[in-house]
Amino acid sequence: MRDPQMTGYGPKPIPGITPEEILPATSRTVGCDGGGGALGHPLVMLHIADRQVTCPYCSRTFVLAEGADDSHGH
């Protein structure tokens, strides 16, 4: 389940249409612009609270790598 709090803000993947891309992250804050240059989306900064976070624009999922920065920032 990608939206455990059921806020309704998580992406709604459509099988066969929405790409499922899982990327490793080395810190708890990651930036996503959808890739593809001008064909992407606005840059959003995402915070990994537990082990992963999913971009609300493009459904890319960033998973915190083992041994990655475990600091929680400010």
PDB file of N, CA and C in Angstrom:
ATOM      1  N   MET A   1       0.853  -1.167   0.000  1.00  0.00           N
ATOM      2  CA  MET A   1       0.000   0.000   0.000  1.00  0.00           C
ATOM      3  C   MET A   1       0.902   1.234   0.000  1.00  0.00           C
ATOM      4  N   ARG A   2       0.676   2.154  -0.894  1.00  0.00           N
ATOM      5  CA  ARG A   2       1.536   3.313  -1.027  1.00  0.00           C
ATOM      6  C   ARG A   2       1.098   4.504  -0.192  1.00  0.00           C
ATOM      7  N   ASP A   3      -0.105   4.528   0.273  1.00  0.00           N
ATOM      8  CA  ASP A   3      -0.608   5.664   1.039  1.00  0.00           C
ATOM      9  C   ASP A   3      -1.179   5.140   2.350  1.00  0.00           C
ATOM     10  N   PRO A   4      -0.299   4.793   3.330  1.00  0.00           N
ATOM     11  CA  PRO A   4      -0.785   4.141   4.544  1.00  0.00           C
ATOM     12  C   PRO A   4      -1.732   4.989   5.384  1.00  0.00           C
ATOM     13  N   GLN A   5      -1.660   6.325   5.293  1.00  0.00           N
ATOM     14  CA  GLN A   5      -2.572   7.170   6.062  1.00  0.00           C
ATOM     15  C   GLN A   5      -3.892   7.398   5.330  1.00  0.00           C
ATOM     16  N   MET A   6      -4.010   6.871   4.130  1.00  0.00           N
ATOM     17  CA  MET A   6      -5.229   7.003   3.323  1.00  0.00           C
ATOM     18  C   MET A   6      -5.640   8.458   3.163  1.00  0.00           C
ATOM     19  N   THR A   7      -4.661   9.315   2.870  1.00  0.00           N
ATOM     20  CA  THR A   7      -4.937  10.737   2.703  1.00  0.00           C
ATOM     21  C   THR A   7      -5.553  11.053   1.348  1.00  0.00           C
ATOM     22  N   GLY A   8      -5.383  10.139   0.399  1.00  0.00           N
ATOM     23  CA  GLY A   8      -5.903  10.382  -0.931  1.00  0.00           C
ATOM     24  C   GLY A   8      -4.912  11.097  -1.832  1.00  0.00           C
ATOM     25  N   TYR A   9      -3.745  11.460  -1.273  1.00  0.00           N
ATOM     26  CA  TYR A   9      -2.762  12.186  -2.058  1.00  0.00           C
ATOM     27  C   TYR A   9      -1.749  11.285  -2.742  1.00  0.00           C
ATOM     28  N   GLY A  10      -1.806   9.999  -2.479  1.00  0.00           N
ATOM     29  CA  GLY A  10      -0.874   9.077  -3.119  1.00  0.00           C
ATOM     30  C   GLY A  10      -1.254   8.875  -4.572  1.00  0.00           C
ATOM     31  N   PRO A  11      -0.292   8.514  -5.407  1.00  0.00           N
ATOM     32  CA  PRO A  11      -0.605   8.274  -6.811  1.00  0.00           C
ATOM     33  C   PRO A  11      -1.500   7.053  -6.970  1.00  0.00           C
ATOM     34  N   LYS A  12      -2.304   7.059  -7.989  1.00  0.00           N
ATOM     35  CA  LYS A  12      -3.189   5.944  -8.262  1.00  0.00           C
ATOM     36  C   LYS A  12      -2.683   5.250  -9.532  1.00  0.00           C
ATOM     37  N   PRO A  13      -1.810   4.225  -9.353  1.00  0.00           N
ATOM     38  CA  PRO A  13      -1.244   3.566 -10.523  1.00  0.00           C
ATOM     39  C   PRO A  13      -2.298   2.818 -11.330  1.00  0.00           C
ATOM     40  N   ILE A  14      -2.136   2.849 -12.635  1.00  0.00           N
ATOM     41  CA  ILE A  14      -3.021   2.134 -13.540  1.00  0.00           C
ATOM     42  C   ILE A  14      -2.177   1.049 -14.207  1.00  0.00           C
ATOM     43  N   PRO A  15      -2.483  -0.235 -13.947  1.00  0.00           N
ATOM     44  CA  PRO A  15      -1.676  -1.318 -14.506  1.00  0.00           C
ATOM     45  C   PRO A  15      -1.561  -1.211 -16.028  1.00  0.00           C
ATOM     46  N   GLY A  16      -0.340  -1.358 -16.517  1.00  0.00           N
ATOM     47  CA  GLY A  16      -0.092  -1.302 -17.954  1.00  0.00           C
ATOM     48  C   GLY A  16       0.130   0.098 -18.485  1.00  0.00           C
ATOM     49  N   ILE A  17      -0.183   1.128 -17.685  1.00  0.00           N
ATOM     50  CA  ILE A  17      -0.013   2.507 -18.135  1.00  0.00           C
ATOM     51  C   ILE A  17       1.003   3.241 -17.267  1.00  0.00           C
ATOM     52  N   THR A  18       0.839   3.170 -15.951  1.00  0.00           N
ATOM     53  CA  THR A  18       1.727   3.867 -15.030  1.00  0.00           C
ATOM     54  C   THR A  18       3.031   3.075 -14.890  1.00  0.00           C
ATOM     55  N   PRO A  19       4.167   3.701 -15.186  1.00  0.00           N
ATOM     56  CA  PRO A  19       5.427   2.970 -15.035  1.00  0.00           C
ATOM     57  C   PRO A  19       5.741   2.728 -13.562  1.00  0.00           C
ATOM     58  N   GLU A  20       6.248   1.552 -13.276  1.00  0.00           N
ATOM     59  CA  GLU A  20       6.641   1.196 -11.910  1.00  0.00           C
ATOM     60  C   GLU A  20       8.158   1.266 -11.868  1.00  0.00           C
ATOM     61  N   GLU A  21       8.680   2.339 -11.328  1.00  0.00           N
ATOM     62  CA  GLU A  21      10.115   2.544 -11.277  1.00  0.00           C
ATOM     63  C   GLU A  21      10.545   2.671  -9.818  1.00  0.00           C
ATOM     64  N   ILE A  22      11.456   1.799  -9.390  1.00  0.00           N
ATOM     65  CA  ILE A  22      11.953   1.814  -8.018  1.00  0.00           C
ATOM     66  C   ILE A  22      13.417   2.221  -8.057  1.00  0.00           C
ATOM     67  N   LEU A  23      13.736   3.314  -7.356  1.00  0.00           N
ATOM     68  CA  LEU A  23      15.088   3.859  -7.363  1.00  0.00           C
ATOM     69  C   LEU A  23      15.670   3.847  -5.953  1.00  0.00           C
ATOM     70  N   PRO A  24      16.965   3.529  -5.822  1.00  0.00           N
ATOM     71  CA  PRO A  24      17.587   3.577  -4.495  1.00  0.00           C
ATOM     72  C   PRO A  24      17.865   5.020  -4.089  1.00  0.00           C
ATOM     73  N   ALA A  25      17.785   5.295  -2.795  1.00  0.00           N
ATOM     74  CA  ALA A  25      18.064   6.633  -2.267  1.00  0.00           C
ATOM     75  C   ALA A  25      19.146   6.507  -1.203  1.00  0.00           C
ATOM     76  N   THR A  26      20.074   7.455  -1.197  1.00  0.00           N
ATOM     77  CA  THR A  26      21.165   7.418  -0.219  1.00  0.00           C
ATOM     78  C   THR A  26      20.946   8.394   0.933  1.00  0.00           C
ATOM     79  N   SER A  27      19.885   9.194   0.857  1.00  0.00           N
ATOM     80  CA  SER A  27      19.543  10.076   1.968  1.00  0.00           C
ATOM     81  C   SER A  27      18.023  10.126   2.098  1.00  0.00           C
ATOM     82  N   ARG A  28      17.547  10.676   3.203  1.00  0.00           N
ATOM     83  CA  ARG A  28      16.109  10.708   3.449  1.00  0.00           C
ATOM     84  C   ARG A  28      15.372  11.784   2.650  1.00  0.00           C
ATOM     85  N   THR A  29      16.099  12.694   2.030  1.00  0.00           N
ATOM     86  CA  THR A  29      15.475  13.707   1.189  1.00  0.00           C
ATOM     87  C   THR A  29      15.924  13.482  -0.251  1.00  0.00           C
ATOM     88  N   VAL A  30      14.958  13.319  -1.140  1.00  0.00           N
ATOM     89  CA  VAL A  30      15.264  13.097  -2.553  1.00  0.00           C
ATOM     90  C   VAL A  30      14.478  14.088  -3.398  1.00  0.00           C
ATOM     91  N   GLY A  31      15.020  14.441  -4.535  1.00  0.00           N
ATOM     92  CA  GLY A  31      14.331  15.311  -5.485  1.00  0.00           C
ATOM     93  C   GLY A  31      13.884  14.507  -6.682  1.00  0.00           C
ATOM     94  N   CYS A  32      12.688  14.753  -7.152  1.00  0.00           N
ATOM     95  CA  CYS A  32      12.175  14.044  -8.327  1.00  0.00           C
ATOM     96  C   CYS A  32      11.620  15.070  -9.308  1.00  0.00           C
ATOM     97  N   ASP A  33      12.061  14.969 -10.567  1.00  0.00           N
ATOM     98  CA  ASP A  33      11.519  15.831 -11.620  1.00  0.00           C
ATOM     99  C   ASP A  33      10.907  15.009 -12.744  1.00  0.00           C
ATOM    100  N   GLY A  34      10.735  13.724 -12.504  1.00  0.00           N
ATOM    101  CA  GLY A  34      10.104  12.854 -13.484  1.00  0.00           C
ATOM    102  C   GLY A  34      11.037  12.381 -14.579  1.00  0.00           C
ATOM    103  N   GLY A  35      12.238  12.936 -14.638  1.00  0.00           N
ATOM    104  CA  GLY A  35      13.159  12.561 -15.707  1.00  0.00           C
ATOM    105  C   GLY A  35      12.655  13.057 -17.051  1.00  0.00           C
ATOM    106  N   GLY A  36      13.405  12.828 -18.072  1.00  0.00           N
ATOM    107  CA  GLY A  36      12.954  13.197 -19.413  1.00  0.00           C
ATOM    108  C   GLY A  36      13.047  14.679 -19.717  1.00  0.00           C
ATOM    109  N   GLY A  37      13.775  15.450 -18.916  1.00  0.00           N
ATOM    110  CA  GLY A  37      13.952  16.881 -19.201  1.00  0.00           C
ATOM    111  C   GLY A  37      12.639  17.631 -19.212  1.00  0.00           C
ATOM    112  N   ALA A  38      12.344  18.282 -20.339  1.00  0.00           N
ATOM    113  CA  ALA A  38      11.128  19.087 -20.446  1.00  0.00           C
ATOM    114  C   ALA A  38       9.853  18.241 -20.408  1.00  0.00           C
ATOM    115  N   LEU A  39       9.979  16.947 -20.601  1.00  0.00           N
ATOM    116  CA  LEU A  39       8.804  16.078 -20.576  1.00  0.00           C
ATOM    117  C   LEU A  39       8.509  15.541 -19.173  1.00  0.00           C
ATOM    118  N   GLY A  40       9.289  15.951 -18.190  1.00  0.00           N
ATOM    119  CA  GLY A  40       9.086  15.508 -16.806  1.00  0.00           C
ATOM    120  C   GLY A  40       7.995  16.323 -16.127  1.00  0.00           C
ATOM    121  N   HIS A  41       8.203  16.619 -14.856  1.00  0.00           N
ATOM    122  CA  HIS A  41       7.255  17.424 -14.086  1.00  0.00           C
ATOM    123  C   HIS A  41       8.044  18.378 -13.210  1.00  0.00           C
ATOM    124  N   PRO A  42       7.402  19.306 -12.504  1.00  0.00           N
ATOM    125  CA  PRO A  42       8.131  20.225 -11.628  1.00  0.00           C
ATOM    126  C   PRO A  42       8.935  19.451 -10.582  1.00  0.00           C
ATOM    127  N   LEU A  43      10.090  19.977 -10.218  1.00  0.00           N
ATOM    128  CA  LEU A  43      10.925  19.351  -9.205  1.00  0.00           C
ATOM    129  C   LEU A  43      10.210  19.395  -7.858  1.00  0.00           C
ATOM    130  N   VAL A  44      10.063  18.234  -7.247  1.00  0.00           N
ATOM    131  CA  VAL A  44       9.496  18.146  -5.904  1.00  0.00           C
ATOM    132  C   VAL A  44      10.514  17.467  -5.004  1.00  0.00           C
ATOM    133  N   MET A  45      10.609  17.965  -3.777  1.00  0.00           N
ATOM    134  CA  MET A  45      11.487  17.361  -2.785  1.00  0.00           C
ATOM    135  C   MET A  45      10.629  16.441  -1.919  1.00  0.00           C
ATOM    136  N   LEU A  46      11.041  15.203  -1.804  1.00  0.00           N
ATOM    137  CA  LEU A  46      10.289  14.200  -1.066  1.00  0.00           C
ATOM    138  C   LEU A  46      11.096  13.752   0.142  1.00  0.00           C
ATOM    139  N   HIS A  47      10.433  13.475   1.260  1.00  0.00           N
ATOM    140  CA  HIS A  47      11.099  13.029   2.469  1.00  0.00           C
ATOM    141  C   HIS A  47      10.726  11.576   2.738  1.00  0.00           C
ATOM    142  N   ILE A  48      11.741  10.740   2.932  1.00  0.00           N
ATOM    143  CA  ILE A  48      11.515   9.331   3.242  1.00  0.00           C
ATOM    144  C   ILE A  48      11.382   9.206   4.756  1.00  0.00           C
ATOM    145  N   ALA A  49      10.173   9.010   5.234  1.00  0.00           N
ATOM    146  CA  ALA A  49       9.930   8.925   6.671  1.00  0.00           C
ATOM    147  C   ALA A  49      10.290   7.546   7.213  1.00  0.00           C
ATOM    148  N   ASP A  50       9.942   6.493   6.494  1.00  0.00           N
ATOM    149  CA  ASP A  50      10.217   5.137   6.979  1.00  0.00           C
ATOM    150  C   ASP A  50      11.280   4.491   6.091  1.00  0.00           C
ATOM    151  N   ARG A  51      10.884   3.789   5.056  1.00  0.00           N
ATOM    152  CA  ARG A  51      11.842   3.135   4.159  1.00  0.00           C
ATOM    153  C   ARG A  51      11.664   3.564   2.710  1.00  0.00           C
ATOM    154  N   GLN A  52      10.508   4.136   2.357  1.00  0.00           N
ATOM    155  CA  GLN A  52      10.285   4.514   0.967  1.00  0.00           C
ATOM    156  C   GLN A  52       9.293   5.656   0.863  1.00  0.00           C
ATOM    157  N   VAL A  53       9.316   6.309  -0.304  1.00  0.00           N
ATOM    158  CA  VAL A  53       8.361   7.369  -0.605  1.00  0.00           C
ATOM    159  C   VAL A  53       8.059   7.296  -2.105  1.00  0.00           C
ATOM    160  N   THR A  54       6.833   7.625  -2.480  1.00  0.00           N
ATOM    161  CA  THR A  54       6.418   7.581  -3.879  1.00  0.00           C
ATOM    162  C   THR A  54       6.087   8.983  -4.354  1.00  0.00           C
ATOM    163  N   CYS A  55       6.590   9.355  -5.521  1.00  0.00           N
ATOM    164  CA  CYS A  55       6.332  10.674  -6.093  1.00  0.00           C
ATOM    165  C   CYS A  55       4.857  10.780  -6.497  1.00  0.00           C
ATOM    166  N   PRO A  56       4.172  11.833  -6.064  1.00  0.00           N
ATOM    167  CA  PRO A  56       2.756  11.976  -6.414  1.00  0.00           C
ATOM    168  C   PRO A  56       2.520  12.326  -7.879  1.00  0.00           C
ATOM    169  N   TYR A  57       3.558  12.775  -8.587  1.00  0.00           N
ATOM    170  CA  TYR A  57       3.409  13.109 -10.002  1.00  0.00           C
ATOM    171  C   TYR A  57       3.596  11.897 -10.909  1.00  0.00           C
ATOM    172  N   CYS A  58       4.715  11.171 -10.723  1.00  0.00           N
ATOM    173  CA  CYS A  58       5.085  10.153 -11.712  1.00  0.00           C
ATOM    174  C   CYS A  58       5.114   8.731 -11.159  1.00  0.00           C
ATOM    175  N   SER A  59       4.823   8.543  -9.894  1.00  0.00           N
ATOM    176  CA  SER A  59       4.770   7.235  -9.246  1.00  0.00           C
ATOM    177  C   SER A  59       6.124   6.558  -9.094  1.00  0.00           C
ATOM    178  N   ARG A  60       7.237   7.287  -9.303  1.00  0.00           N
ATOM    179  CA  ARG A  60       8.542   6.702  -9.009  1.00  0.00           C
ATOM    180  C   ARG A  60       8.608   6.461  -7.512  1.00  0.00           C
ATOM    181  N   THR A  61       9.137   5.317  -7.119  1.00  0.00           N
ATOM    182  CA  THR A  61       9.264   4.989  -5.709  1.00  0.00           C
ATOM    183  C   THR A  61      10.740   5.016  -5.338  1.00  0.00           C
ATOM    184  N   PHE A  62      11.079   5.789  -4.324  1.00  0.00           N
ATOM    185  CA  PHE A  62      12.447   5.889  -3.834  1.00  0.00           C
ATOM    186  C   PHE A  62      12.536   5.070  -2.551  1.00  0.00           C
ATOM    187  N   VAL A  63      13.478   4.119  -2.521  1.00  0.00           N
ATOM    188  CA  VAL A  63      13.660   3.228  -1.383  1.00  0.00           C
ATOM    189  C   VAL A  63      15.005   3.541  -0.750  1.00  0.00           C
ATOM    190  N   LEU A  64      14.998   3.753   0.557  1.00  0.00           N
ATOM    191  CA  LEU A  64      16.222   4.060   1.283  1.00  0.00           C
ATOM    192  C   LEU A  64      17.135   2.837   1.261  1.00  0.00           C
ATOM    193  N   ALA A  65      18.358   3.014   0.760  1.00  0.00           N
ATOM    194  CA  ALA A  65      19.311   1.918   0.654  1.00  0.00           C
ATOM    195  C   ALA A  65      19.807   1.492   2.033  1.00  0.00           C
ATOM    196  N   GLU A  66      20.177   0.242   2.164  1.00  0.00           N
ATOM    197  CA  GLU A  66      20.734  -0.262   3.419  1.00  0.00           C
ATOM    198  C   GLU A  66      22.004   0.512   3.751  1.00  0.00           C
ATOM    199  N   GLY A  67      22.131   0.936   4.987  1.00  0.00           N
ATOM    200  CA  GLY A  67      23.321   1.667   5.421  1.00  0.00           C
ATOM    201  C   GLY A  67      23.348   3.113   4.971  1.00  0.00           C
ATOM    202  N   ALA A  68      22.245   3.597   4.393  1.00  0.00           N
ATOM    203  CA  ALA A  68      22.184   4.989   3.946  1.00  0.00           C
ATOM    204  C   ALA A  68      22.063   5.925   5.137  1.00  0.00           C
ATOM    205  N   ASP A  69      22.215   7.203   4.872  1.00  0.00           N
ATOM    206  CA  ASP A  69      22.123   8.226   5.919  1.00  0.00           C
ATOM    207  C   ASP A  69      20.850   8.034   6.713  1.00  0.00           C
ATOM    208  N   ASP A  70      20.982   7.739   7.988  1.00  0.00           N
ATOM    209  CA  ASP A  70      19.814   7.481   8.819  1.00  0.00           C
ATOM    210  C   ASP A  70      19.424   8.681   9.664  1.00  0.00           C
ATOM    211  N   SER A  71      20.022   9.845   9.392  1.00  0.00           N
ATOM    212  CA  SER A  71      19.655  11.044  10.147  1.00  0.00           C
ATOM    213  C   SER A  71      18.288  11.523   9.699  1.00  0.00           C
ATOM    214  N   HIS A  72      17.585  12.153  10.594  1.00  0.00           N
ATOM    215  CA  HIS A  72      16.232  12.635  10.279  1.00  0.00           C
ATOM    216  C   HIS A  72      16.213  14.130   9.954  1.00  0.00           C
ATOM    217  N   GLY A  73      17.364  14.744   9.860  1.00  0.00           N
ATOM    218  CA  GLY A  73      17.400  16.157   9.491  1.00  0.00           C
ATOM    219  C   GLY A  73      16.887  17.042  10.592  1.00  0.00           C
ATOM    220  N   HIS A  74      16.283  18.164  10.207  1.00  0.00           N
ATOM    221  CA  HIS A  74      15.795  19.144  11.179  1.00  0.00           C
ATOM    222  C   HIS A  74      14.426  18.800  11.666  1.00  0.00           C
TER     223      HIS A  74
END
